[in-house]
PDB file of N, CA and C in Angstrom:
ATOM      1  N   MET A   1      74.588   6.178  28.383  1.00  0.00           N
ATOM      2  CA  MET A   1      73.582   6.250  29.115  1.00  0.00           C
ATOM      3  C   MET A   1      74.076   6.478  30.667  1.00  0.00           C
ATOM      4  N   ALA A   2      73.451   7.270  31.269  1.00  0.00           N
ATOM      5  CA  ALA A   2      73.649   7.362  32.756  1.00  0.00           C
ATOM      6  C   ALA A   2      73.102   6.269  33.463  1.00  0.00           C
ATOM      7  N   VAL A   3      73.985   5.738  34.359  1.00  0.00           N
ATOM      8  CA  VAL A   3      73.436   4.661  35.240  1.00  0.00           C
ATOM      9  C   VAL A   3      74.098   5.014  36.548  1.00  0.00           C
ATOM     10  N   PRO A   4      73.140   4.823  37.545  1.00  0.00           N
ATOM     11  CA  PRO A   4      73.650   5.248  39.131  1.00  0.00           C
ATOM     12  C   PRO A   4      74.642   4.270  39.532  1.00  0.00           C
ATOM     13  N   LYS A   5      75.569   4.971  40.238  1.00  0.00           N
ATOM     14  CA  LYS A   5      76.626   3.941  40.840  1.00  0.00           C
ATOM     15  C   LYS A   5      76.339   3.280  42.062  1.00  0.00           C
ATOM     16  N   ARG A   6      75.433   3.768  42.783  1.00  0.00           N
ATOM     17  CA  ARG A   6      74.807   3.102  43.915  1.00  0.00           C
ATOM     18  C   ARG A   6      73.476   3.001  44.034  1.00  0.00           C
ATOM     19  N   ARG A   7      72.992   2.004  44.589  1.00  0.00           N
ATOM     20  CA  ARG A   7      71.629   1.744  44.887  1.00  0.00           C
ATOM     21  C   ARG A   7      71.064   2.903  45.700  1.00  0.00           C
ATOM     22  N   VAL A   8      69.619   3.315  45.295  1.00  0.00           N
ATOM     23  CA  VAL A   8      69.084   4.247  46.138  1.00  0.00           C
ATOM     24  C   VAL A   8      68.391   3.621  47.271  1.00  0.00           C
ATOM     25  N   SER A   9      68.776   3.996  48.277  1.00  0.00           N
ATOM     26  CA  SER A   9      68.106   3.315  49.535  1.00  0.00           C
ATOM     27  C   SER A   9      66.597   3.596  49.630  1.00  0.00           C
ATOM     28  N   THR A  10      65.955   2.539  50.382  1.00  0.00           N
ATOM     29  CA  THR A  10      64.586   2.575  50.619  1.00  0.00           C
ATOM     30  C   THR A  10      64.067   3.946  51.049  1.00  0.00           C
ATOM     31  N   THR A  11      64.805   4.338  52.198  1.00  0.00           N
ATOM     32  CA  THR A  11      64.587   5.586  52.939  1.00  0.00           C
ATOM     33  C   THR A  11      64.536   6.895  51.992  1.00  0.00           C
ATOM     34  N   ARG A  12      65.591   6.990  51.122  1.00  0.00           N
ATOM     35  CA  ARG A  12      65.750   8.035  50.240  1.00  0.00           C
ATOM     36  C   ARG A  12      64.706   7.914  49.068  1.00  0.00           C
ATOM     37  N   LYS A  13      64.396   6.805  48.584  1.00  0.00           N
ATOM     38  CA  LYS A  13      63.300   6.630  47.671  1.00  0.00           C
ATOM     39  C   LYS A  13      61.804   7.117  48.184  1.00  0.00           C
ATOM     40  N   LEU A  14      61.629   6.862  49.575  1.00  0.00           N
ATOM     41  CA  LEU A  14      60.275   7.165  50.160  1.00  0.00           C
ATOM     42  C   LEU A  14      60.305   8.601  50.559  1.00  0.00           C
ATOM     43  N   LYS A  15      61.440   9.077  50.898  1.00  0.00           N
ATOM     44  CA  LYS A  15      61.378  10.515  51.025  1.00  0.00           C
ATOM     45  C   LYS A  15      61.249  11.378  49.778  1.00  0.00           C
ATOM     46  N   ARG A  16      61.527  10.669  48.628  1.00  0.00           N
ATOM     47  CA  ARG A  16      61.453  11.518  47.470  1.00  0.00           C
ATOM     48  C   ARG A  16      59.713  11.418  47.200  1.00  0.00           C
ATOM     49  N   ARG A  17      59.122  10.099  47.497  1.00  0.00           N
ATOM     50  CA  ARG A  17      57.896  10.079  47.123  1.00  0.00           C
ATOM     51  C   ARG A  17      56.951  10.452  48.119  1.00  0.00           C
ATOM     52  N   THR A  18      57.207  11.331  49.127  1.00  0.00           N
ATOM     53  CA  THR A  18      56.307  11.802  49.916  1.00  0.00           C
ATOM     54  C   THR A  18      55.401  12.826  49.491  1.00  0.00           C
ATOM     55  N   ASN A  19      55.846  13.361  48.330  1.00  0.00           N
ATOM     56  CA  ASN A  19      54.940  14.415  47.759  1.00  0.00           C
ATOM     57  C   ASN A  19      54.115  13.904  46.572  1.00  0.00           C
ATOM     58  N   TRP A  20      53.906  12.662  46.513  1.00  0.00           N
ATOM     59  CA  TRP A  20      52.945  12.013  45.437  1.00  0.00           C
ATOM     60  C   TRP A  20      51.666  11.759  46.331  1.00  0.00           C
ATOM     61  N   LYS A  21      50.979  12.865  46.447  1.00  0.00           N
ATOM     62  CA  LYS A  21      49.648  12.867  47.140  1.00  0.00           C
ATOM     63  C   LYS A  21      48.534  13.384  46.132  1.00  0.00           C
ATOM     64  N   LEU A  22      47.397  12.757  46.537  1.00  0.00           N
ATOM     65  CA  LEU A  22      46.192  13.367  45.798  1.00  0.00           C
ATOM     66  C   LEU A  22      45.571  14.678  46.497  1.00  0.00           C
ATOM     67  N   ASP A  23      45.012  15.548  45.762  1.00  0.00           N
ATOM     68  CA  ASP A  23      44.480  16.559  46.452  1.00  0.00           C
ATOM     69  C   ASP A  23      42.820  16.658  46.397  1.00  0.00           C
ATOM     70  N   LYS A  24      42.231  16.915  47.222  1.00  0.00           N
ATOM     71  CA  LYS A  24      40.631  16.897  47.241  1.00  0.00           C
ATOM     72  C   LYS A  24      40.581  17.957  46.058  1.00  0.00           C
ATOM     73  N   PRO A  25      39.512  17.683  45.205  1.00  0.00           N
ATOM     74  CA  PRO A  25      39.104  18.669  44.184  1.00  0.00           C
ATOM     75  C   PRO A  25      38.370  19.828  44.905  1.00  0.00           C
ATOM     76  N   SER A  26      38.596  21.017  44.337  1.00  0.00           N
ATOM     77  CA  SER A  26      38.059  22.216  44.809  1.00  0.00           C
ATOM     78  C   SER A  26      36.490  22.438  43.998  1.00  0.00           C
ATOM     79  N   PHE A  27      35.794  23.024  44.480  1.00  0.00           N
ATOM     80  CA  PHE A  27      34.431  23.085  44.138  1.00  0.00           C
ATOM     81  C   PHE A  27      34.078  24.515  44.030  1.00  0.00           C
ATOM     82  N   ASN A  28      33.221  25.127  42.944  1.00  0.00           N
ATOM     83  CA  ASN A  28      32.643  26.405  43.081  1.00  0.00           C
ATOM     84  C   ASN A  28      31.307  26.327  43.182  1.00  0.00           C
ATOM     85  N   ILE A  29      30.670  27.330  43.461  1.00  0.00           N
ATOM     86  CA  ILE A  29      29.016  27.596  43.712  1.00  0.00           C
ATOM     87  C   ILE A  29      28.699  28.132  42.151  1.00  0.00           C
ATOM     88  N   CYS A  30      27.630  27.444  41.579  1.00  0.00           N
ATOM     89  CA  CYS A  30      27.177  27.828  40.322  1.00  0.00           C
ATOM     90  C   CYS A  30      26.166  29.286  40.599  1.00  0.00           C
ATOM     91  N   SER A  31      26.560  30.275  39.774  1.00  0.00           N
ATOM     92  CA  SER A  31      25.892  31.476  40.144  1.00  0.00           C
ATOM     93  C   SER A  31      24.520  31.621  39.847  1.00  0.00           C
ATOM     94  N   ASN A  32      24.003  30.548  38.759  1.00  0.00           N
ATOM     95  CA  ASN A  32      22.717  30.435  38.344  1.00  0.00           C
ATOM     96  C   ASN A  32      21.854  29.753  39.373  1.00  0.00           C
ATOM     97  N   CYS A  33      22.090  28.616  39.708  1.00  0.00           N
ATOM     98  CA  CYS A  33      21.202  27.615  40.505  1.00  0.00           C
ATOM     99  C   CYS A  33      21.847  27.396  41.952  1.00  0.00           C
ATOM    100  N   GLY A  34      23.219  27.696  42.185  1.00  0.00           N
ATOM    101  CA  GLY A  34      23.793  27.686  43.528  1.00  0.00           C
ATOM    102  C   GLY A  34      24.181  26.128  43.938  1.00  0.00           C
ATOM    103  N   SER A  35      24.309  25.420  43.029  1.00  0.00           N
ATOM    104  CA  SER A  35      24.889  23.981  43.264  1.00  0.00           C
ATOM    105  C   SER A  35      26.313  23.991  43.170  1.00  0.00           C
ATOM    106  N   PRO A  36      27.099  22.973  43.802  1.00  0.00           N
ATOM    107  CA  PRO A  36      28.503  22.856  43.679  1.00  0.00           C
ATOM    108  C   PRO A  36      28.725  22.247  42.362  1.00  0.00           C
ATOM    109  N   ARG A  37      29.724  22.980  41.668  1.00  0.00           N
ATOM    110  CA  ARG A  37      30.568  22.403  40.476  1.00  0.00           C
ATOM    111  C   ARG A  37      31.911  22.383  40.343  1.00  0.00           C
ATOM    112  N   LEU A  38      32.434  21.771  39.472  1.00  0.00           N
ATOM    113  CA  LEU A  38      33.824  21.942  39.308  1.00  0.00           C
ATOM    114  C   LEU A  38      34.237  23.136  38.576  1.00  0.00           C
ATOM    115  N   PRO A  39      35.461  23.790  38.811  1.00  0.00           N
ATOM    116  CA  PRO A  39      35.675  25.005  38.281  1.00  0.00           C
ATOM    117  C   PRO A  39      36.105  24.725  36.625  1.00  0.00           C
ATOM    118  N   HIS A  40      35.687  25.823  35.956  1.00  0.00           N
ATOM    119  CA  HIS A  40      35.965  25.939  34.408  1.00  0.00           C
ATOM    120  C   HIS A  40      35.272  24.763  33.661  1.00  0.00           C
ATOM    121  N   ARG A  41      34.093  24.292  34.259  1.00  0.00           N
ATOM    122  CA  ARG A  41      33.173  23.341  33.790  1.00  0.00           C
ATOM    123  C   ARG A  41      31.527  23.842  33.801  1.00  0.00           C
ATOM    124  N   ALA A  42      30.937  23.412  32.909  1.00  0.00           N
ATOM    125  CA  ALA A  42      29.524  23.812  32.684  1.00  0.00           C
ATOM    126  C   ALA A  42      28.729  23.269  33.986  1.00  0.00           C
ATOM    127  N   CYS A  43      27.923  23.709  34.739  1.00  0.00           N
ATOM    128  CA  CYS A  43      27.130  23.084  35.705  1.00  0.00           C
ATOM    129  C   CYS A  43      26.279  21.903  35.254  1.00  0.00           C
ATOM    130  N   VAL A  44      26.286  21.081  36.040  1.00  0.00           N
ATOM    131  CA  VAL A  44      25.647  19.815  35.555  1.00  0.00           C
ATOM    132  C   VAL A  44      24.212  19.793  35.855  1.00  0.00           C
ATOM    133  N   GLU A  45      23.649  20.723  36.922  1.00  0.00           N
ATOM    134  CA  GLU A  45      22.310  20.797  37.192  1.00  0.00           C
ATOM    135  C   GLU A  45      21.645  21.872  36.150  1.00  0.00           C
ATOM    136  N   CYS A  46      21.997  22.919  36.013  1.00  0.00           N
ATOM    137  CA  CYS A  46      21.227  23.784  35.170  1.00  0.00           C
ATOM    138  C   CYS A  46      21.964  23.819  33.655  1.00  0.00           C
ATOM    139  N   GLY A  47      23.145  23.673  33.616  1.00  0.00           N
ATOM    140  CA  GLY A  47      23.576  23.461  32.138  1.00  0.00           C
ATOM    141  C   GLY A  47      24.285  24.908  31.803  1.00  0.00           C
ATOM    142  N   THR A  48      24.723  25.802  32.569  1.00  0.00           N
ATOM    143  CA  THR A  48      25.125  26.884  32.280  1.00  0.00           C
ATOM    144  C   THR A  48      26.573  27.134  32.611  1.00  0.00           C
ATOM    145  N   TYR A  49      27.179  28.086  31.702  1.00  0.00           N
ATOM    146  CA  TYR A  49      28.645  28.421  32.098  1.00  0.00           C
ATOM    147  C   TYR A  49      28.944  29.787  31.838  1.00  0.00           C
ATOM    148  N   LYS A  50      29.404  30.455  32.948  1.00  0.00           N
ATOM    149  CA  LYS A  50      29.417  31.908  32.924  1.00  0.00           C
ATOM    150  C   LYS A  50      28.176  32.660  32.595  1.00  0.00           C
ATOM    151  N   ASN A  51      27.176  32.133  33.331  1.00  0.00           N
ATOM    152  CA  ASN A  51      25.753  32.743  33.068  1.00  0.00           C
ATOM    153  C   ASN A  51      25.122  32.711  31.593  1.00  0.00           C
ATOM    154  N   LYS A  52      25.608  31.819  30.888  1.00  0.00           N
ATOM    155  CA  LYS A  52      25.217  31.509  29.663  1.00  0.00           C
ATOM    156  C   LYS A  52      24.971  30.095  29.311  1.00  0.00           C
ATOM    157  N   PRO A  53      23.825  29.525  28.703  1.00  0.00           N
ATOM    158  CA  PRO A  53      23.775  28.201  28.392  1.00  0.00           C
ATOM    159  C   PRO A  53      24.996  27.643  27.729  1.00  0.00           C
ATOM    160  N   ALA A  54      25.279  26.473  28.171  1.00  0.00           N
ATOM    161  CA  ALA A  54      26.452  25.669  27.689  1.00  0.00           C
ATOM    162  C   ALA A  54      25.914  25.095  26.360  1.00  0.00           C
ATOM    163  N   LYS A  55      26.890  24.848  25.258  1.00  0.00           N
ATOM    164  CA  LYS A  55      26.526  24.106  24.106  1.00  0.00           C
ATOM    165  C   LYS A  55      26.429  22.883  24.373  1.00  0.00           C
ATOM    166  N   ALA A  56      25.491  22.053  23.696  1.00  0.00           N
ATOM    167  CA  ALA A  56      25.475  20.607  24.018  1.00  0.00           C
ATOM    168  C   ALA A  56      26.564  19.902  22.912  1.00  0.00           C
ATOM    169  N   SER A  57      27.085  18.980  23.581  1.00  0.00           N
ATOM    170  CA  SER A  57      28.145  18.044  22.526  1.00  0.00           C
ATOM    171  C   SER A  57      27.535  17.148  21.923  1.00  0.00           C
ATOM    172  N   LYS A  58      28.039  16.674  20.883  1.00  0.00           N
ATOM    173  CA  LYS A  58      27.436  15.609  20.040  1.00  0.00           C
ATOM    174  C   LYS A  58      28.070  14.366  20.534  1.00  0.00           C
TER     175      LYS A  58
END
């Protein structure tokens, strides 16, 4: 099993973790009603996806 020979310094550890950020979610505009919605998901307001009514889940 691989074991590090030396301890990873705090600075090196924090430099590696600088890219652990959250991104803001992107929004699209619904083509049917014009409200903002998440991409690749049915519109919450009017219930359409790709200009067709979305199927209701059970």
